[in-house]
N, C-alpha and C. Protein backbone atom coordinates (compact mmCIF):
# COMPACT_ATOMS: atom_id res chain seq x y z
N MET A 1 -2.60 1.48 -6.87
CA MET A 1 -3.18 1.83 -5.64
C MET A 1 -3.42 3.24 -5.37
N THR A 2 -4.54 3.45 -5.23
CA THR A 2 -5.01 5.02 -5.21
C THR A 2 -4.85 5.45 -3.69
N GLY A 3 -5.23 4.37 -2.75
CA GLY A 3 -5.21 4.71 -1.22
C GLY A 3 -6.54 5.44 -0.85
N SER A 4 -6.64 5.85 0.42
CA SER A 4 -7.92 6.41 0.85
C SER A 4 -7.64 7.50 2.02
N VAL A 5 -6.26 7.66 1.88
CA VAL A 5 -6.00 8.83 3.15
C VAL A 5 -4.93 9.78 2.31
N LEU A 6 -4.94 10.84 3.05
CA LEU A 6 -4.19 12.03 2.36
C LEU A 6 -2.93 12.35 3.09
N PRO A 7 -1.67 11.70 2.46
CA PRO A 7 -0.53 11.92 3.17
C PRO A 7 0.12 13.25 2.74
N PRO A 8 0.43 13.83 3.94
CA PRO A 8 1.20 15.17 3.85
C PRO A 8 2.67 15.06 3.16
N SER A 9 3.35 15.77 2.71
CA SER A 9 4.68 15.66 2.30
C SER A 9 5.54 15.14 3.34
N PRO A 10 6.28 14.10 3.11
CA PRO A 10 7.31 13.76 4.05
C PRO A 10 8.12 14.76 4.42
N SER A 11 8.50 15.83 3.63
CA SER A 11 9.49 16.67 4.07
C SER A 11 8.91 18.17 4.69
N SER A 12 7.53 18.08 4.97
CA SER A 12 6.88 19.18 5.63
C SER A 12 7.13 19.01 7.05
N PRO A 13 7.12 20.22 7.77
CA PRO A 13 7.76 20.21 9.05
C PRO A 13 6.86 19.21 10.05
N GLY A 14 5.61 19.12 9.71
CA GLY A 14 4.87 18.15 10.64
C GLY A 14 4.85 18.64 12.06
N THR A 15 4.45 17.75 13.06
CA THR A 15 4.38 18.14 14.38
C THR A 15 5.62 18.33 15.12
N PRO A 16 5.81 18.62 16.28
CA PRO A 16 7.15 18.80 16.95
C PRO A 16 7.80 17.58 17.05
N GLY A 17 9.29 17.73 16.93
CA GLY A 17 10.09 16.68 16.85
C GLY A 17 10.29 15.91 15.43
N GLY A 18 9.67 16.87 14.40
CA GLY A 18 9.97 16.11 13.00
C GLY A 18 8.78 14.97 12.62
N ALA A 19 7.87 14.75 13.63
CA ALA A 19 6.77 13.81 13.25
C ALA A 19 5.75 14.33 12.41
N THR A 20 5.11 13.64 11.61
CA THR A 20 3.97 14.25 10.80
C THR A 20 2.86 13.22 11.01
N GLU A 21 1.63 14.02 11.43
CA GLU A 21 0.56 13.25 11.80
C GLU A 21 -0.28 12.91 10.47
N LEU A 22 -0.73 11.53 10.49
CA LEU A 22 -1.50 11.06 9.46
C LEU A 22 -3.04 10.91 9.81
N ALA A 23 -3.77 10.85 8.76
CA ALA A 23 -5.32 10.81 9.20
C ALA A 23 -6.03 10.35 8.30
N LEU A 24 -6.94 9.49 8.62
CA LEU A 24 -8.07 8.84 7.53
C LEU A 24 -8.95 9.90 6.74
N THR A 25 -8.27 10.62 5.96
CA THR A 25 -9.03 11.60 5.21
C THR A 25 -8.99 11.33 3.75
N PRO A 26 -10.26 11.54 3.05
CA PRO A 26 -10.48 11.32 1.74
C PRO A 26 -9.35 12.00 0.88
N VAL A 27 -8.82 11.51 -0.24
CA VAL A 27 -7.71 12.13 -0.99
C VAL A 27 -7.89 12.12 -2.44
N ASN A 28 -7.93 13.34 -3.10
CA ASN A 28 -8.27 13.50 -4.54
C ASN A 28 -9.27 12.37 -4.96
N ASP A 29 -10.34 12.39 -4.28
CA ASP A 29 -11.39 11.31 -4.79
C ASP A 29 -12.55 12.48 -5.16
N PRO A 30 -13.24 11.84 -6.06
CA PRO A 30 -14.50 12.73 -6.63
C PRO A 30 -15.51 12.58 -5.48
N PRO A 31 -16.55 13.83 -5.61
CA PRO A 31 -17.59 13.73 -4.60
C PRO A 31 -18.08 12.47 -4.32
N PRO A 32 -18.70 12.23 -3.08
CA PRO A 32 -19.03 10.92 -2.50
C PRO A 32 -20.19 10.42 -3.54
N LEU A 33 -20.14 9.13 -3.82
CA LEU A 33 -21.06 8.55 -4.67
C LEU A 33 -22.58 8.46 -4.03
N ARG A 34 -23.51 8.63 -4.93
CA ARG A 34 -24.92 8.27 -4.32
C ARG A 34 -25.05 6.85 -4.05
N ALA A 35 -26.16 6.50 -3.04
CA ALA A 35 -26.01 5.32 -2.48
C ALA A 35 -26.09 4.23 -3.60
N ASP A 36 -26.92 4.40 -4.54
CA ASP A 36 -27.23 3.29 -5.68
C ASP A 36 -25.97 3.32 -6.49
N ALA A 37 -25.10 4.41 -6.79
CA ALA A 37 -23.74 4.31 -7.49
C ALA A 37 -22.65 3.61 -6.66
N ALA A 38 -22.73 3.82 -5.34
CA ALA A 38 -21.93 3.08 -4.29
C ALA A 38 -22.30 1.49 -4.44
N ARG A 39 -23.41 1.15 -4.37
CA ARG A 39 -23.64 -0.21 -4.48
C ARG A 39 -23.33 -0.85 -5.77
N ASN A 40 -23.59 -0.16 -6.87
CA ASN A 40 -23.16 -0.56 -8.29
C ASN A 40 -21.61 -0.69 -8.44
N ARG A 41 -20.77 0.09 -7.75
CA ARG A 41 -19.44 0.10 -7.77
C ARG A 41 -18.98 -1.04 -6.97
N THR A 42 -19.60 -1.37 -5.75
CA THR A 42 -19.09 -2.42 -5.01
C THR A 42 -19.40 -3.84 -5.67
N ARG A 43 -20.56 -3.56 -6.30
CA ARG A 43 -21.02 -4.85 -7.20
C ARG A 43 -19.96 -5.40 -8.24
N LEU A 44 -19.48 -4.29 -8.76
CA LEU A 44 -18.60 -4.38 -10.05
C LEU A 44 -17.23 -4.96 -9.34
N LEU A 45 -16.83 -4.28 -8.21
CA LEU A 45 -15.54 -4.80 -7.57
C LEU A 45 -15.58 -6.15 -7.16
N GLU A 46 -16.73 -6.58 -6.75
CA GLU A 46 -16.98 -7.94 -6.20
C GLU A 46 -16.94 -8.92 -7.51
N ALA A 47 -17.55 -8.39 -8.43
CA ALA A 47 -17.41 -9.40 -9.60
C ALA A 47 -16.00 -9.49 -10.42
N ALA A 48 -15.29 -8.42 -10.21
CA ALA A 48 -14.04 -8.30 -10.48
C ALA A 48 -13.27 -9.29 -9.75
N SER A 49 -13.51 -9.24 -8.50
CA SER A 49 -12.75 -10.14 -7.57
C SER A 49 -12.76 -11.48 -7.73
N GLN A 50 -14.14 -11.81 -8.14
CA GLN A 50 -14.50 -13.42 -8.08
C GLN A 50 -13.87 -13.78 -9.47
N LEU A 51 -14.01 -12.98 -10.52
CA LEU A 51 -13.34 -13.21 -11.79
C LEU A 51 -11.72 -13.45 -11.62
N MET A 52 -11.20 -12.60 -11.05
CA MET A 52 -9.59 -12.69 -10.84
C MET A 52 -9.22 -13.95 -10.11
N ALA A 53 -10.03 -14.38 -9.12
CA ALA A 53 -9.72 -15.45 -8.35
C ALA A 53 -9.84 -16.89 -9.20
N GLY A 54 -10.71 -16.68 -10.15
CA GLY A 54 -10.96 -17.79 -11.02
C GLY A 54 -10.01 -17.78 -12.34
N CYS A 55 -9.64 -16.72 -12.90
CA CYS A 55 -8.92 -16.79 -14.19
C CYS A 55 -7.51 -15.98 -14.10
N GLY A 56 -7.08 -15.19 -12.83
CA GLY A 56 -6.15 -14.43 -12.84
C GLY A 56 -6.42 -12.96 -13.21
N ALA A 57 -5.46 -12.03 -12.80
CA ALA A 57 -5.60 -10.60 -13.21
C ALA A 57 -5.33 -10.53 -14.84
N ALA A 58 -4.21 -11.43 -15.29
CA ALA A 58 -4.17 -11.14 -16.72
C ALA A 58 -5.42 -11.34 -17.75
N GLN A 59 -6.40 -12.20 -17.23
CA GLN A 59 -7.38 -12.42 -18.22
C GLN A 59 -8.71 -11.50 -17.65
N LEU A 60 -8.47 -10.62 -16.70
CA LEU A 60 -9.77 -9.80 -16.32
C LEU A 60 -10.03 -8.70 -17.42
N THR A 61 -11.08 -8.71 -17.82
CA THR A 61 -11.38 -7.80 -18.86
C THR A 61 -12.74 -6.88 -18.69
N MET A 62 -12.88 -5.72 -19.00
CA MET A 62 -14.02 -4.98 -18.78
C MET A 62 -15.42 -5.67 -19.09
N GLU A 63 -15.22 -6.34 -20.31
CA GLU A 63 -16.56 -7.17 -20.97
C GLU A 63 -16.74 -8.27 -19.89
N ALA A 64 -15.85 -8.89 -19.54
CA ALA A 64 -16.05 -9.96 -18.54
C ALA A 64 -16.76 -9.46 -17.20
N VAL A 65 -16.29 -8.41 -16.78
CA VAL A 65 -16.62 -7.79 -15.55
C VAL A 65 -18.14 -7.31 -15.60
N ALA A 66 -18.50 -6.62 -16.61
CA ALA A 66 -19.73 -6.36 -16.96
C ALA A 66 -20.62 -7.54 -17.19
N THR A 67 -20.33 -8.48 -17.67
CA THR A 67 -21.12 -9.72 -17.82
C THR A 67 -21.42 -10.16 -16.52
N ALA A 68 -20.44 -10.44 -15.72
CA ALA A 68 -20.56 -11.07 -14.40
C ALA A 68 -21.32 -10.35 -13.58
N ALA A 69 -21.27 -8.96 -13.64
CA ALA A 69 -22.12 -7.96 -12.58
C ALA A 69 -23.69 -7.93 -13.20
N GLY A 70 -23.70 -8.09 -14.60
CA GLY A 70 -25.21 -8.16 -15.17
C GLY A 70 -25.41 -6.60 -15.56
N VAL A 71 -24.20 -5.87 -16.07
CA VAL A 71 -24.43 -4.67 -16.46
C VAL A 71 -24.04 -4.39 -17.88
N GLY A 72 -24.19 -3.31 -18.61
CA GLY A 72 -23.55 -2.84 -19.75
C GLY A 72 -22.19 -2.53 -19.60
N LYS A 73 -21.40 -3.05 -20.77
CA LYS A 73 -20.04 -2.59 -20.58
C LYS A 73 -19.70 -1.21 -20.33
N GLY A 74 -20.59 -0.36 -21.01
CA GLY A 74 -20.46 1.15 -20.88
C GLY A 74 -20.38 1.58 -19.51
N THR A 75 -21.11 0.87 -18.58
CA THR A 75 -21.36 1.22 -17.08
C THR A 75 -19.81 0.85 -16.46
N VAL A 76 -19.03 -0.31 -16.68
CA VAL A 76 -17.85 -0.55 -16.17
C VAL A 76 -16.90 0.44 -16.72
N PHE A 77 -16.99 1.01 -18.07
CA PHE A 77 -16.02 2.07 -18.33
C PHE A 77 -16.42 3.35 -17.73
N ARG A 78 -17.53 3.69 -17.46
CA ARG A 78 -18.00 5.10 -16.97
C ARG A 78 -17.48 5.08 -15.56
N ARG A 79 -17.54 3.89 -14.82
CA ARG A 79 -17.24 3.88 -13.49
C ARG A 79 -15.58 3.96 -13.16
N PHE A 80 -14.80 3.21 -14.08
CA PHE A 80 -13.44 3.17 -13.80
C PHE A 80 -12.67 3.56 -14.93
N GLY A 81 -13.24 4.16 -16.03
CA GLY A 81 -12.36 4.55 -17.24
C GLY A 81 -11.80 3.51 -18.08
N ASP A 82 -10.83 2.72 -17.54
CA ASP A 82 -10.11 1.71 -18.43
C ASP A 82 -9.88 0.66 -17.49
N ARG A 83 -9.27 -0.53 -18.32
CA ARG A 83 -8.77 -1.69 -17.47
C ARG A 83 -7.99 -1.52 -16.17
N THR A 84 -7.01 -0.43 -16.55
CA THR A 84 -5.95 -0.15 -15.60
C THR A 84 -6.63 0.65 -14.26
N GLY A 85 -8.01 1.48 -14.74
CA GLY A 85 -8.53 2.02 -13.65
C GLY A 85 -9.40 1.12 -12.61
N LEU A 86 -9.76 -0.15 -13.43
CA LEU A 86 -10.42 -1.11 -12.63
C LEU A 86 -9.66 -1.74 -11.70
N LEU A 87 -8.39 -2.08 -12.19
CA LEU A 87 -7.38 -2.88 -11.29
C LEU A 87 -6.99 -1.96 -10.19
N VAL A 88 -6.75 -0.77 -10.45
CA VAL A 88 -6.47 0.20 -9.50
C VAL A 88 -7.44 0.36 -8.23
N ALA A 89 -8.69 0.46 -8.85
CA ALA A 89 -9.73 0.49 -7.94
C ALA A 89 -9.84 -0.65 -7.04
N LEU A 90 -9.63 -1.99 -7.69
CA LEU A 90 -9.66 -3.12 -6.89
C LEU A 90 -8.77 -3.28 -5.90
N LEU A 91 -7.41 -2.90 -6.27
CA LEU A 91 -6.52 -2.84 -5.42
C LEU A 91 -6.61 -2.11 -4.12
N ASP A 92 -6.90 -0.75 -4.44
CA ASP A 92 -7.27 0.25 -3.57
C ASP A 92 -8.20 -0.35 -2.55
N HIS A 93 -9.34 -1.23 -2.82
CA HIS A 93 -10.32 -1.67 -1.93
C HIS A 93 -9.66 -2.53 -1.21
N ARG A 94 -8.43 -3.33 -1.27
CA ARG A 94 -7.83 -3.96 -0.35
C ARG A 94 -6.78 -3.16 0.31
N GLU A 95 -6.14 -2.37 -0.30
CA GLU A 95 -5.09 -1.61 0.38
C GLU A 95 -5.83 -0.85 1.52
N GLN A 96 -7.05 -0.51 1.55
CA GLN A 96 -7.42 0.14 2.71
C GLN A 96 -7.54 -0.47 4.01
N GLN A 97 -7.60 -1.95 3.88
CA GLN A 97 -7.40 -2.88 5.21
C GLN A 97 -6.05 -2.56 5.73
N LEU A 98 -4.88 -2.50 4.70
CA LEU A 98 -3.68 -2.42 5.13
C LEU A 98 -3.56 -1.11 5.81
N GLN A 99 -3.88 -0.18 5.38
CA GLN A 99 -3.72 1.21 5.74
C GLN A 99 -4.43 1.38 7.04
N ALA A 100 -5.51 0.89 7.25
CA ALA A 100 -6.18 0.92 8.66
C ALA A 100 -5.59 0.25 9.67
N ALA A 101 -4.74 -0.96 9.40
CA ALA A 101 -3.74 -1.71 10.35
C ALA A 101 -2.69 -0.91 10.74
N PHE A 102 -1.98 0.05 10.00
CA PHE A 102 -0.89 0.54 10.49
C PHE A 102 -1.25 2.09 10.97
N LEU A 103 -2.25 2.58 10.55
CA LEU A 103 -2.77 3.98 11.00
C LEU A 103 -3.56 3.90 12.29
N THR A 104 -4.77 2.91 12.44
CA THR A 104 -5.28 3.08 13.70
C THR A 104 -5.37 1.49 14.40
N GLY A 105 -4.74 0.64 13.65
CA GLY A 105 -4.88 -0.80 14.38
C GLY A 105 -4.14 -1.00 15.50
N PRO A 106 -3.94 -2.34 16.07
CA PRO A 106 -3.40 -2.57 17.40
C PRO A 106 -1.91 -2.65 17.14
N ALA A 107 -1.29 -2.70 18.33
CA ALA A 107 0.25 -2.85 18.37
C ALA A 107 0.58 -4.34 17.83
N PRO A 108 1.75 -4.35 17.34
CA PRO A 108 3.00 -3.63 16.99
C PRO A 108 2.77 -2.56 15.88
N LEU A 109 1.91 -2.91 15.24
CA LEU A 109 1.75 -2.21 13.70
C LEU A 109 1.14 -0.73 13.94
N GLY A 110 0.06 -0.70 14.84
CA GLY A 110 -0.74 0.55 15.05
C GLY A 110 0.04 1.28 16.09
N PRO A 111 -0.47 2.62 16.27
CA PRO A 111 -0.16 3.82 17.00
C PRO A 111 0.22 3.58 18.61
N ASP A 112 -0.26 2.29 19.13
CA ASP A 112 0.19 2.33 20.50
C ASP A 112 1.37 1.89 20.98
N ALA A 113 2.15 1.38 19.71
CA ALA A 113 3.63 0.75 19.74
C ALA A 113 4.45 1.84 19.74
N PRO A 114 5.61 1.84 20.35
CA PRO A 114 6.90 2.71 20.12
C PRO A 114 7.19 2.44 18.61
N PRO A 115 7.75 3.72 18.13
CA PRO A 115 7.89 4.00 16.64
C PRO A 115 8.99 2.88 16.03
N LEU A 116 9.96 2.39 16.82
CA LEU A 116 10.73 1.38 16.37
C LEU A 116 10.13 0.16 16.17
N GLU A 117 9.36 -0.25 17.07
CA GLU A 117 8.55 -1.38 17.07
C GLU A 117 7.67 -1.44 15.81
N ARG A 118 7.00 -0.32 15.47
CA ARG A 118 6.06 -0.15 14.44
C ARG A 118 7.00 -0.12 13.23
N LEU A 119 8.05 0.27 13.10
CA LEU A 119 8.96 0.14 11.68
C LEU A 119 9.21 -1.31 11.74
N HIS A 120 9.65 -2.06 12.73
CA HIS A 120 9.88 -3.62 12.51
C HIS A 120 8.67 -4.21 11.91
N ALA A 121 7.61 -3.84 12.43
CA ALA A 121 6.25 -4.64 12.03
C ALA A 121 5.68 -4.09 10.59
N PHE A 122 6.10 -2.94 10.37
CA PHE A 122 5.65 -2.33 8.96
C PHE A 122 5.90 -3.38 7.97
N GLY A 123 7.33 -3.59 7.94
CA GLY A 123 7.80 -4.30 6.53
C GLY A 123 7.09 -5.62 6.27
N PRO A 124 7.21 -6.49 7.49
CA PRO A 124 6.51 -7.81 7.14
C PRO A 124 5.02 -7.46 6.90
N ALA A 125 4.36 -6.57 7.38
CA ALA A 125 2.87 -6.40 6.93
C ALA A 125 2.89 -6.25 5.47
N VAL A 126 3.76 -5.24 4.99
CA VAL A 126 3.68 -4.91 3.65
C VAL A 126 3.79 -6.02 2.63
N ILE A 127 4.84 -6.74 3.08
CA ILE A 127 5.36 -7.81 2.30
C ILE A 127 4.31 -9.01 2.26
N ARG A 128 3.72 -9.32 3.33
CA ARG A 128 2.76 -10.27 3.26
C ARG A 128 1.45 -9.74 2.45
N HIS A 129 1.05 -8.69 2.63
CA HIS A 129 0.02 -7.89 1.83
C HIS A 129 0.17 -7.96 0.37
N GLU A 130 1.49 -7.78 -0.10
CA GLU A 130 1.61 -7.76 -1.35
C GLU A 130 1.96 -9.20 -2.13
N ARG A 131 2.49 -9.94 -1.09
CA ARG A 131 2.46 -11.09 -1.79
C ARG A 131 1.11 -11.89 -2.07
N ASP A 132 0.12 -11.60 -1.08
CA ASP A 132 -1.18 -11.79 -1.21
C ASP A 132 -1.79 -11.27 -2.60
N HIS A 133 -1.40 -10.13 -3.04
CA HIS A 133 -2.06 -9.52 -4.10
C HIS A 133 -0.87 -9.17 -5.38
N HIS A 134 -0.01 -10.12 -5.37
CA HIS A 134 1.29 -9.81 -6.28
C HIS A 134 0.73 -9.35 -7.84
N GLU A 135 -0.16 -10.69 -8.25
CA GLU A 135 -0.43 -10.33 -9.54
C GLU A 135 -1.25 -9.34 -9.79
N LEU A 136 -2.23 -8.84 -8.91
CA LEU A 136 -3.03 -7.68 -9.14
C LEU A 136 -2.13 -6.39 -9.06
N ILE A 137 -1.25 -6.29 -8.08
CA ILE A 137 -0.16 -5.26 -8.07
C ILE A 137 0.52 -4.89 -9.59
N LEU A 138 0.96 -6.05 -9.89
CA LEU A 138 1.97 -6.11 -11.21
C LEU A 138 1.09 -5.70 -12.44
N SER A 139 -0.30 -6.12 -12.36
CA SER A 139 -1.23 -6.00 -13.61
C SER A 139 -1.49 -4.59 -13.64
N SER A 140 -1.53 -3.84 -12.34
CA SER A 140 -2.03 -2.41 -12.39
C SER A 140 -0.87 -1.56 -12.66
N ARG A 141 0.21 -1.84 -12.60
CA ARG A 141 1.64 -1.09 -13.15
C ARG A 141 1.81 -0.91 -14.58
N THR A 142 0.93 -0.06 -15.30
CA THR A 142 1.31 0.02 -16.49
C THR A 142 2.18 1.31 -16.84
N ASP A 143 2.25 2.03 -15.94
CA ASP A 143 3.32 3.21 -15.79
C ASP A 143 4.28 3.04 -14.64
N PRO A 144 5.60 2.81 -14.77
CA PRO A 144 6.38 2.71 -13.71
C PRO A 144 6.35 3.96 -12.95
N LEU A 145 6.34 5.14 -13.55
CA LEU A 145 6.36 6.50 -12.66
C LEU A 145 5.24 6.60 -11.80
N ARG A 146 4.10 5.98 -12.35
CA ARG A 146 2.94 6.47 -11.55
C ARG A 146 3.00 5.69 -10.17
N THR A 147 3.76 4.40 -10.24
CA THR A 147 3.81 3.78 -8.85
C THR A 147 4.32 4.67 -7.73
N TYR A 148 4.98 5.74 -8.18
CA TYR A 148 5.36 6.44 -7.00
C TYR A 148 4.66 7.57 -6.56
N ASP A 149 3.52 7.86 -7.45
CA ASP A 149 2.81 9.03 -7.22
C ASP A 149 1.57 8.61 -6.62
N VAL A 150 1.08 7.51 -6.82
CA VAL A 150 -0.15 7.20 -6.22
C VAL A 150 -0.38 7.32 -4.68
N PRO A 151 -1.60 7.87 -4.30
CA PRO A 151 -1.61 8.38 -2.74
C PRO A 151 -1.10 7.17 -1.88
N ALA A 152 -1.55 5.93 -2.23
CA ALA A 152 -1.15 4.73 -1.45
C ALA A 152 0.44 4.68 -0.86
N ASN A 153 1.08 4.82 -2.00
CA ASN A 153 2.59 4.76 -1.89
C ASN A 153 3.09 6.00 -1.27
N ARG A 154 2.51 7.12 -1.54
CA ARG A 154 2.80 8.49 -0.81
C ARG A 154 2.64 8.31 0.71
N LEU A 155 1.41 7.55 0.90
CA LEU A 155 1.09 7.41 2.55
C LEU A 155 2.36 6.53 3.17
N ARG A 156 2.55 5.50 2.53
CA ARG A 156 3.58 4.66 3.04
C ARG A 156 5.00 5.39 3.29
N LEU A 157 5.32 5.98 2.37
CA LEU A 157 6.55 6.91 2.31
C LEU A 157 6.45 7.99 3.49
N THR A 158 5.23 8.56 3.71
CA THR A 158 5.19 9.71 4.86
C THR A 158 5.13 8.93 6.15
N HIS A 159 4.53 7.73 6.04
CA HIS A 159 4.43 6.98 7.46
C HIS A 159 5.79 6.28 7.72
N VAL A 160 6.43 5.94 6.79
CA VAL A 160 7.82 5.43 7.46
C VAL A 160 8.76 6.50 7.64
N THR A 161 8.72 7.56 6.90
CA THR A 161 9.49 8.70 7.36
C THR A 161 9.19 9.19 8.64
N MET A 162 8.20 9.27 8.96
CA MET A 162 7.62 9.83 10.20
C MET A 162 8.04 8.76 11.29
N LEU A 163 8.03 7.52 11.24
CA LEU A 163 8.45 6.62 12.24
C LEU A 163 10.04 6.69 12.22
N LEU A 164 10.70 6.83 11.25
CA LEU A 164 12.23 6.90 11.35
C LEU A 164 12.63 8.24 12.12
N ARG A 165 11.66 9.33 11.89
CA ARG A 165 12.06 10.40 12.79
C ARG A 165 11.85 10.26 14.02
N GLN A 166 10.63 9.71 14.60
CA GLN A 166 10.26 9.52 15.75
C GLN A 166 11.16 8.50 16.46
N ALA A 167 11.68 7.60 15.80
CA ALA A 167 12.66 6.50 16.37
C ALA A 167 14.08 7.09 16.44
N GLY A 168 14.38 8.16 15.97
CA GLY A 168 15.57 8.85 16.11
C GLY A 168 16.62 8.59 15.07
N ALA A 169 16.18 8.27 14.01
CA ALA A 169 17.13 8.12 12.62
C ALA A 169 17.85 9.44 12.37
N THR A 170 19.06 9.52 12.05
CA THR A 170 19.72 10.64 11.53
C THR A 170 19.82 10.61 9.90
N GLY A 171 20.32 11.69 9.55
CA GLY A 171 20.36 11.90 8.04
C GLY A 171 19.17 12.19 7.48
N ASP A 172 18.96 11.92 5.88
CA ASP A 172 17.81 12.38 5.32
C ASP A 172 16.66 11.31 5.35
N THR A 173 15.81 11.41 6.41
CA THR A 173 14.59 10.33 6.52
C THR A 173 13.92 10.01 5.44
N GLU A 174 13.53 11.09 4.58
CA GLU A 174 12.82 10.90 3.39
C GLU A 174 13.61 9.80 2.46
N LEU A 175 14.84 9.99 2.28
CA LEU A 175 15.45 9.12 1.38
C LEU A 175 15.82 7.87 2.04
N LEU A 176 15.85 7.77 3.40
CA LEU A 176 16.06 6.62 3.88
C LEU A 176 14.82 5.61 3.85
N ALA A 177 13.53 6.29 4.05
CA ALA A 177 12.29 5.74 3.94
C ALA A 177 12.22 5.21 2.41
N HIS A 178 12.41 5.79 1.38
CA HIS A 178 12.54 5.29 0.09
C HIS A 178 13.38 3.98 -0.10
N THR A 179 14.34 4.28 0.35
CA THR A 179 15.45 2.77 0.78
C THR A 179 14.69 1.78 1.33
N LEU A 180 14.29 1.80 2.57
CA LEU A 180 13.39 0.84 3.05
C LEU A 180 12.25 0.40 2.18
N LEU A 181 11.46 1.26 1.65
CA LEU A 181 10.37 0.73 1.01
C LEU A 181 10.68 0.09 -0.47
N GLY A 182 11.91 0.58 -1.08
CA GLY A 182 12.65 -0.23 -2.14
C GLY A 182 12.98 -1.55 -1.98
N SER A 183 13.27 -1.93 -0.72
CA SER A 183 13.78 -3.29 -0.36
C SER A 183 12.50 -4.22 -0.34
N ILE A 184 11.45 -3.55 -0.10
CA ILE A 184 10.05 -4.69 -0.07
C ILE A 184 9.17 -4.34 -1.23
N ASP A 185 9.88 -3.70 -2.48
CA ASP A 185 8.94 -3.68 -3.75
C ASP A 185 8.54 -4.97 -4.01
N SER A 186 7.17 -4.84 -4.45
CA SER A 186 6.62 -6.06 -4.72
C SER A 186 7.30 -7.03 -5.84
N ALA A 187 7.61 -6.37 -6.83
CA ALA A 187 8.29 -6.97 -8.20
C ALA A 187 9.55 -7.75 -7.61
N LEU A 188 10.32 -6.77 -6.65
CA LEU A 188 11.59 -7.35 -6.09
C LEU A 188 11.45 -8.61 -5.07
N VAL A 189 10.52 -8.68 -4.38
CA VAL A 189 10.17 -9.67 -3.40
C VAL A 189 9.61 -10.87 -4.21
N HIS A 190 8.77 -10.61 -5.21
CA HIS A 190 8.28 -11.69 -5.87
C HIS A 190 9.58 -12.46 -6.65
N HIS A 191 10.43 -11.62 -7.14
CA HIS A 191 11.79 -12.12 -7.80
C HIS A 191 12.55 -12.86 -6.84
N LEU A 192 12.69 -12.43 -5.52
CA LEU A 192 13.54 -12.93 -4.51
C LEU A 192 13.11 -14.61 -4.21
N ILE A 193 11.57 -14.44 -3.84
CA ILE A 193 11.04 -15.68 -3.39
C ILE A 193 10.64 -16.68 -4.40
N VAL A 194 10.18 -16.16 -5.59
CA VAL A 194 9.44 -17.05 -6.60
C VAL A 194 10.80 -17.53 -7.52
N GLU A 195 11.37 -16.33 -8.09
CA GLU A 195 12.39 -16.76 -9.09
C GLU A 195 13.64 -17.30 -8.42
N LEU A 196 14.07 -16.82 -7.41
CA LEU A 196 15.14 -17.52 -6.83
C LEU A 196 15.04 -18.44 -5.65
N GLY A 197 13.89 -18.42 -5.06
CA GLY A 197 13.80 -19.26 -4.22
C GLY A 197 14.03 -19.00 -2.83
N MET A 198 14.30 -17.82 -2.50
CA MET A 198 14.71 -17.21 -1.12
C MET A 198 13.37 -17.51 -0.14
N PRO A 199 13.70 -18.00 0.96
CA PRO A 199 12.72 -18.00 1.89
C PRO A 199 12.42 -16.95 2.42
N LEU A 200 10.89 -16.66 2.76
CA LEU A 200 10.49 -15.47 3.27
C LEU A 200 11.02 -15.02 4.41
N ASP A 201 11.50 -16.05 5.30
CA ASP A 201 12.06 -15.61 6.57
C ASP A 201 13.23 -14.63 6.25
N ARG A 202 14.03 -14.99 5.27
CA ARG A 202 15.16 -14.41 5.00
C ARG A 202 14.87 -12.86 4.40
N VAL A 203 13.92 -12.79 3.76
CA VAL A 203 13.42 -11.44 3.33
C VAL A 203 13.05 -10.47 4.41
N LEU A 204 12.21 -11.13 5.32
CA LEU A 204 11.79 -10.40 6.66
C LEU A 204 13.03 -9.97 7.17
N ALA A 205 13.87 -10.77 7.57
CA ALA A 205 15.08 -10.69 8.21
C ALA A 205 15.87 -9.44 7.71
N GLY A 206 15.82 -9.48 6.10
CA GLY A 206 16.58 -8.17 5.67
C GLY A 206 15.86 -7.02 6.02
N TRP A 207 14.59 -6.83 6.05
CA TRP A 207 13.86 -5.68 6.55
C TRP A 207 14.34 -5.39 7.85
N HIS A 208 14.46 -6.23 8.85
CA HIS A 208 14.72 -5.99 10.24
C HIS A 208 16.30 -5.34 10.37
N ASP A 209 17.11 -6.16 9.43
CA ASP A 209 18.55 -5.80 9.47
C ASP A 209 18.58 -4.25 9.10
N LEU A 210 17.87 -3.75 8.13
CA LEU A 210 17.90 -2.53 7.56
C LEU A 210 17.35 -1.35 8.41
N VAL A 211 16.26 -1.84 9.25
CA VAL A 211 15.86 -0.97 10.17
C VAL A 211 16.73 -0.77 11.23
N THR A 212 17.45 -1.93 11.75
CA THR A 212 18.31 -2.01 13.01
C THR A 212 19.80 -0.97 12.43
N ARG A 213 19.99 -0.82 11.20
CA ARG A 213 21.18 -0.40 10.77
C ARG A 213 20.97 1.20 10.74
N LEU A 214 19.91 1.60 10.41
CA LEU A 214 19.38 3.18 10.05
C LEU A 214 19.01 3.82 11.42
N VAL A 215 18.34 3.07 12.40
CA VAL A 215 18.06 3.55 13.57
C VAL A 215 18.91 3.19 14.86
N PRO A 216 19.53 4.20 15.45
CA PRO A 216 20.41 3.95 16.67
C PRO A 216 19.71 3.27 17.61
N ARG A 217 20.53 2.69 18.37
CA ARG A 217 19.73 1.95 19.73
C ARG A 217 19.86 2.90 20.78
N PRO A 218 18.98 3.14 21.45
CA PRO A 218 18.83 4.05 22.75
C PRO A 218 20.19 3.65 23.57
N PRO A 219 20.81 4.63 24.34
CA PRO A 219 21.82 4.45 25.07
C PRO A 219 21.47 3.40 26.15
N SER A 220 20.43 3.18 26.72
CA SER A 220 19.98 2.27 27.80
C SER A 220 20.05 0.93 27.31
N ALA A 221 19.94 0.64 25.99
CA ALA A 221 19.93 -0.81 25.36
C ALA A 221 21.33 -1.19 24.64
N ALA A 222 22.18 -0.09 24.97
CA ALA A 222 23.61 -0.40 24.22
C ALA A 222 24.43 -1.25 25.04
């Protein structure tokens, strides 16, 4: 997942009160594509999406995408570099929808809701998003360490860290954010639900329980 926003470091001072502002800003991207190049990229991603829907991510090849899109194989390699680059670009295309929901979307996930409500809503939104794209996500994870460094995951970390601070969590909020996100890792959730047969509702309840334990209740609610 490459993401489409620039996440500041979770440990940066941010705004007053420890909050860090997030914005829809291009991150580490090449210069904007020409109109024809952008159309070709979209056509390639659409072809890849259709192929993956029919045969699964494991069978998705650069050659198959080129054939489906009606271009030469070299065009696909020039645009995405390699198969991993293609998978990451395809996942990024879908990740942007999730990012828009928690950065600018409606409550309770978006900015109009209180931070604690947003935290409770964030986990289920990510779990459902990654459940829908599980095969694509795991196929793009060729380097385990890369998972933590891609902009989309750094954005999630910054976002959860910010919400923890705003909600009044104490301690090292960045490490707490890592803990929360680790509990909903795509591979772990797949193992719990598919391999162990755990109900989705139980996994979602686990997120809510962790959030409740990490964020103190306001005195008025005690």
